[in-house]
C-alpha atoms as a PDB file:
ATOM      1  CA  UNK A   1     -70.647  86.481 131.228  1.00  0.00           C
ATOM      2  CA  UNK A   2     -70.140  90.071 132.278  1.00  0.00           C
ATOM      3  CA  UNK A   3     -71.054  89.170 135.862  1.00  0.00           C
ATOM      4  CA  UNK A   4     -68.288  86.552 135.985  1.00  0.00           C
ATOM      5  CA  UNK A   5     -65.755  89.053 134.633  1.00  0.00           C
ATOM      6  CA  UNK A   6     -66.818  91.607 137.275  1.00  0.00           C
ATOM      7  CA  UNK A   7     -66.309  89.010 140.030  1.00  0.00           C
ATOM      8  CA  UNK A   8     -62.893  88.068 138.635  1.00  0.00           C
ATOM      9  CA  UNK A   9     -61.966  91.765 138.356  1.00  0.00           C
ATOM     10  CA  UNK A  10     -62.986  92.422 141.961  1.00  0.00           C
ATOM     11  CA  UNK A  11     -61.035  89.384 143.163  1.00  0.00           C
ATOM     12  CA  UNK A  12     -57.946  90.552 141.245  1.00  0.00           C
ATOM     13  CA  UNK A  13     -58.110  93.995 142.860  1.00  0.00           C
ATOM     14  CA  UNK A  14     -58.542  92.517 146.349  1.00  0.00           C
ATOM     15  CA  UNK A  15     -55.470  90.319 145.791  1.00  0.00           C
ATOM     16  CA  UNK A  16     -53.357  93.201 144.432  1.00  0.00           C
ATOM     17  CA  UNK A  17     -54.214  95.347 147.471  1.00  0.00           C
ATOM     18  CA  UNK A  18     -52.856  92.561 149.729  1.00  0.00           C
ATOM     19  CA  UNK A  19     -49.461  92.566 147.980  1.00  0.00           C
ATOM     20  CA  UNK A  20     -48.113  95.829 149.427  1.00  0.00           C
ATOM     21  CA  UNK A  21     -48.974  98.660 151.797  1.00  0.00           C
ATOM     22  CA  UNK A  22     -48.336 100.882 148.741  1.00  0.00           C
ATOM     23  CA  UNK A  23     -51.370  99.387 146.999  1.00  0.00           C
ATOM     24  CA  UNK A  24     -53.983 100.030 149.719  1.00  0.00           C
ATOM     25  CA  UNK A  25     -55.780 102.646 147.619  1.00  0.00           C
ATOM     26  CA  UNK A  26     -55.371 100.894 144.263  1.00  0.00           C
ATOM     27  CA  UNK A  27     -58.348 101.228 141.972  1.00  0.00           C
ATOM     28  CA  UNK A  28     -59.302 100.003 138.551  1.00  0.00           C
ATOM     29  CA  UNK A  29     -59.967 102.867 136.151  1.00  0.00           C
ATOM     30  CA  UNK A  30     -61.218 100.536 133.437  1.00  0.00           C
ATOM     31  CA  UNK A  31     -61.102  97.020 132.093  1.00  0.00           C
ATOM     32  CA  UNK A  32     -59.600  97.306 128.622  1.00  0.00           C
ATOM     33  CA  UNK A  33     -60.177  93.685 127.664  1.00  0.00           C
ATOM     34  CA  UNK A  34     -61.348  90.430 129.207  1.00  0.00           C
ATOM     35  CA  UNK A  35     -61.038  86.927 127.802  1.00  0.00           C
ATOM     36  CA  UNK A  36     -61.578  83.495 129.299  1.00  0.00           C
ATOM     37  CA  UNK A  37     -60.036  80.113 128.615  1.00  0.00           C
ATOM     38  CA  UNK A  38     -60.193  76.683 130.143  1.00  0.00           C
ATOM     39  CA  UNK A  39     -57.263  76.120 132.503  1.00  0.00           C
ATOM     40  CA  UNK A  40     -54.364  73.971 131.299  1.00  0.00           C
ATOM     41  CA  UNK A  41     -55.325  71.321 133.867  1.00  0.00           C
ATOM     42  CA  UNK A  42     -58.984  71.380 132.752  1.00  0.00           C
ATOM     43  CA  UNK A  43     -60.111  72.064 136.315  1.00  0.00           C
ATOM     44  CA  UNK A  44     -61.270  75.647 136.006  1.00  0.00           C
ATOM     45  CA  UNK A  45     -61.386  78.886 134.054  1.00  0.00           C
ATOM     46  CA  UNK A  46     -58.692  81.474 133.581  1.00  0.00           C
ATOM     47  CA  UNK A  47     -59.727  85.111 133.164  1.00  0.00           C
ATOM     48  CA  UNK A  48     -57.242  87.201 131.178  1.00  0.00           C
ATOM     49  CA  UNK A  49     -57.846  90.810 132.192  1.00  0.00           C
ATOM     50  CA  UNK A  50     -56.120  93.874 130.801  1.00  0.00           C
ATOM     51  CA  UNK A  51     -56.834  96.729 133.175  1.00  0.00           C
ATOM     52  CA  UNK A  52     -55.803 100.305 133.762  1.00  0.00           C
ATOM     53  CA  UNK A  53     -54.804 100.583 137.426  1.00  0.00           C
ATOM     54  CA  UNK A  54     -54.188 103.755 139.422  1.00  0.00           C
ATOM     55  CA  UNK A  55     -53.075 104.491 142.956  1.00  0.00           C
ATOM     56  CA  UNK A  56     -51.746 107.328 145.084  1.00  0.00           C
ATOM     57  CA  UNK A  57     -49.858 105.986 148.081  1.00  0.00           C
ATOM     58  CA  UNK A  58     -49.169 107.988 151.240  1.00  0.00           C
ATOM     59  CA  UNK A  59     -48.172 104.927 153.291  1.00  0.00           C
ATOM     60  CA  UNK A  60     -50.601 105.750 156.079  1.00  0.00           C
ATOM     61  CA  UNK A  61     -50.286 103.942 159.393  1.00  0.00           C
ATOM     62  CA  UNK A  62     -50.209 101.222 160.377  1.00  0.00           C
ATOM     63  CA  UNK A  63     -47.608  99.660 158.108  1.00  0.00           C
ATOM     64  CA  UNK A  64     -47.034  95.932 158.077  1.00  0.00           C
ATOM     65  CA  UNK A  65     -43.922  94.731 159.958  1.00  0.00           C
ATOM     66  CA  UNK A  66     -41.712  94.213 156.889  1.00  0.00           C
ATOM     67  CA  UNK A  67     -43.314  96.918 154.798  1.00  0.00           C
ATOM     68  CA  UNK A  68     -41.690  98.151 151.615  1.00  0.00           C
ATOM     69  CA  UNK A  69     -44.261 100.908 151.263  1.00  0.00           C
ATOM     70  CA  UNK A  70     -43.342 103.521 148.702  1.00  0.00           C
ATOM     71  CA  UNK A  71     -45.074 106.881 148.515  1.00  0.00           C
ATOM     72  CA  UNK A  72     -46.156 108.384 145.235  1.00  0.00           C
ATOM     73  CA  UNK A  73     -48.407 107.694 142.298  1.00  0.00           C
ATOM     74  CA  UNK A  74     -48.908 104.877 139.821  1.00  0.00           C
ATOM     75  CA  UNK A  75     -51.045 104.774 136.699  1.00  0.00           C
ATOM     76  CA  UNK A  76     -50.559 102.067 134.150  1.00  0.00           C
ATOM     77  CA  UNK A  77     -51.943  99.135 132.234  1.00  0.00           C
ATOM     78  CA  UNK A  78     -51.460  95.680 133.696  1.00  0.00           C
ATOM     79  CA  UNK A  79     -52.354  92.223 132.466  1.00  0.00           C
ATOM     80  CA  UNK A  80     -53.696  89.944 135.168  1.00  0.00           C
ATOM     81  CA  UNK A  81     -54.800  86.323 135.051  1.00  0.00           C
ATOM     82  CA  UNK A  82     -57.389  85.209 137.598  1.00  0.00           C
ATOM     83  CA  UNK A  83     -57.594  81.477 138.265  1.00  0.00           C
ATOM     84  CA  UNK A  84     -61.064  80.154 139.086  1.00  0.00           C
ATOM     85  CA  UNK A  85     -61.662  76.495 139.949  1.00  0.00           C
ATOM     86  CA  UNK A  86     -64.701  74.558 138.756  1.00  0.00           C
ATOM     87  CA  UNK A  87     -66.132  74.568 142.282  1.00  0.00           C
ATOM     88  CA  UNK A  88     -66.402  78.374 142.027  1.00  0.00           C
ATOM     89  CA  UNK A  89     -63.525  79.481 144.271  1.00  0.00           C
ATOM     90  CA  UNK A  90     -60.696  81.656 143.029  1.00  0.00           C
ATOM     91  CA  UNK A  91     -57.263  80.108 143.365  1.00  0.00           C
ATOM     92  CA  UNK A  92     -55.093  83.196 142.865  1.00  0.00           C
ATOM     93  CA  UNK A  93     -53.776  85.650 140.321  1.00  0.00           C
ATOM     94  CA  UNK A  94     -50.737  86.281 138.160  1.00  0.00           C
ATOM     95  CA  UNK A  95     -49.732  89.830 137.240  1.00  0.00           C
ATOM     96  CA  UNK A  96     -47.407  90.876 134.427  1.00  0.00           C
ATOM     97  CA  UNK A  97     -45.450  93.316 136.607  1.00  0.00           C
ATOM     98  CA  UNK A  98     -45.893  94.895 139.988  1.00  0.00           C
ATOM     99  CA  UNK A  99     -47.072  98.530 139.940  1.00  0.00           C
ATOM    100  CA  UNK A 100     -44.212 100.868 140.921  1.00  0.00           C
ATOM    101  CA  UNK A 101     -44.934 104.077 142.816  1.00  0.00           C
ATOM    102  CA  UNK A 102     -42.968 107.073 141.550  1.00  0.00           C
ATOM    103  CA  UNK A 103     -41.965 108.350 145.012  1.00  0.00           C
ATOM    104  CA  UNK A 104     -39.601 107.536 147.862  1.00  0.00           C
ATOM    105  CA  UNK A 105     -39.876 104.649 150.320  1.00  0.00           C
ATOM    106  CA  UNK A 106     -41.552 105.505 153.610  1.00  0.00           C
ATOM    107  CA  UNK A 107     -38.980 106.365 156.352  1.00  0.00           C
ATOM    108  CA  UNK A 108     -40.184 103.458 158.513  1.00  0.00           C
ATOM    109  CA  UNK A 109     -39.327 100.867 155.860  1.00  0.00           C
ATOM    110  CA  UNK A 110     -36.027  98.980 155.766  1.00  0.00           C
ATOM    111  CA  UNK A 111     -35.462 100.172 152.154  1.00  0.00           C
ATOM    112  CA  UNK A 112     -35.539 103.900 152.994  1.00  0.00           C
ATOM    113  CA  UNK A 113     -32.136 105.604 152.714  1.00  0.00           C
ATOM    114  CA  UNK A 114     -33.065 109.302 153.006  1.00  0.00           C
ATOM    115  CA  UNK A 115     -32.643 111.885 155.779  1.00  0.00           C
ATOM    116  CA  UNK A 116     -36.228 111.822 157.118  1.00  0.00           C
ATOM    117  CA  UNK A 117     -36.557 110.072 160.497  1.00  0.00           C
ATOM    118  CA  UNK A 118     -39.036 107.322 161.178  1.00  0.00           C
ATOM    119  CA  UNK A 119     -41.510 107.895 163.973  1.00  0.00           C
ATOM    120  CA  UNK A 120     -42.052 104.251 164.933  1.00  0.00           C
ATOM    121  CA  UNK A 121     -44.835 105.064 167.378  1.00  0.00           C
ATOM    122  CA  UNK A 122     -46.989 106.239 164.481  1.00  0.00           C
ATOM    123  CA  UNK A 123     -46.486 103.192 162.320  1.00  0.00           C
ATOM    124  CA  UNK A 124     -45.766 100.174 164.478  1.00  0.00           C
ATOM    125  CA  UNK A 125     -46.893  98.215 167.471  1.00  0.00           C
ATOM    126  CA  UNK A 126     -44.574  98.848 170.469  1.00  0.00           C
ATOM    127  CA  UNK A 127     -42.763  95.565 169.768  1.00  0.00           C
ATOM    128  CA  UNK A 128     -42.214  96.495 166.124  1.00  0.00           C
ATOM    129  CA  UNK A 129     -41.262 100.068 167.010  1.00  0.00           C
ATOM    130  CA  UNK A 130     -38.433  98.845 169.236  1.00  0.00           C
ATOM    131  CA  UNK A 131     -36.749  97.310 166.205  1.00  0.00           C
ATOM    132  CA  UNK A 132     -36.471 100.713 164.526  1.00  0.00           C
ATOM    133  CA  UNK A 133     -35.188 102.811 167.431  1.00  0.00           C
ATOM    134  CA  UNK A 134     -31.678 104.264 167.176  1.00  0.00           C
ATOM    135  CA  UNK A 135     -28.999 102.882 169.505  1.00  0.00           C
ATOM    136  CA  UNK A 136     -28.897 106.137 171.493  1.00  0.00           C
ATOM    137  CA  UNK A 137     -32.571 105.704 172.357  1.00  0.00           C
ATOM    138  CA  UNK A 138     -32.006 102.795 174.789  1.00  0.00           C
ATOM    139  CA  UNK A 139     -34.156 104.492 177.430  1.00  0.00           C
ATOM    140  CA  UNK A 140     -37.137 104.421 175.089  1.00  0.00           C
ATOM    141  CA  UNK A 141     -36.577 100.700 174.422  1.00  0.00           C
ATOM    142  CA  UNK A 142     -36.757 100.038 178.163  1.00  0.00           C
ATOM    143  CA  UNK A 143     -40.136 101.811 178.319  1.00  0.00           C
ATOM    144  CA  UNK A 144     -41.561  99.531 175.621  1.00  0.00           C
END
């Protein structure tokens, strides 16, 4: 039914948002198609959703400890399978490819290679911030 597809769609979005700090503001512009099929193990239903996703990421604080947050914009069509068990709980999702932001990594991420400096105090707990301080900032480490 349409109600079941809406629940599967909402679950898929909630799971995608958990995948990366970049996806915090992900939204579904529209569901292009939705099909269901019995799972291969005959213990649930699979929802095959083709959706247009969109997100603008600014990597706002706080970032997760091992964040790979990338700033920028994404708009694209993704195919997502939502796995629902017969007892009514969702068991997870599969996505055809991870949305890629078109901008640079945030300076507080390990992947960032640009000139901008990270301000750890804005994006980390004190313990996490200490991991990102430069060697010449030993006095600041002692304060944490």
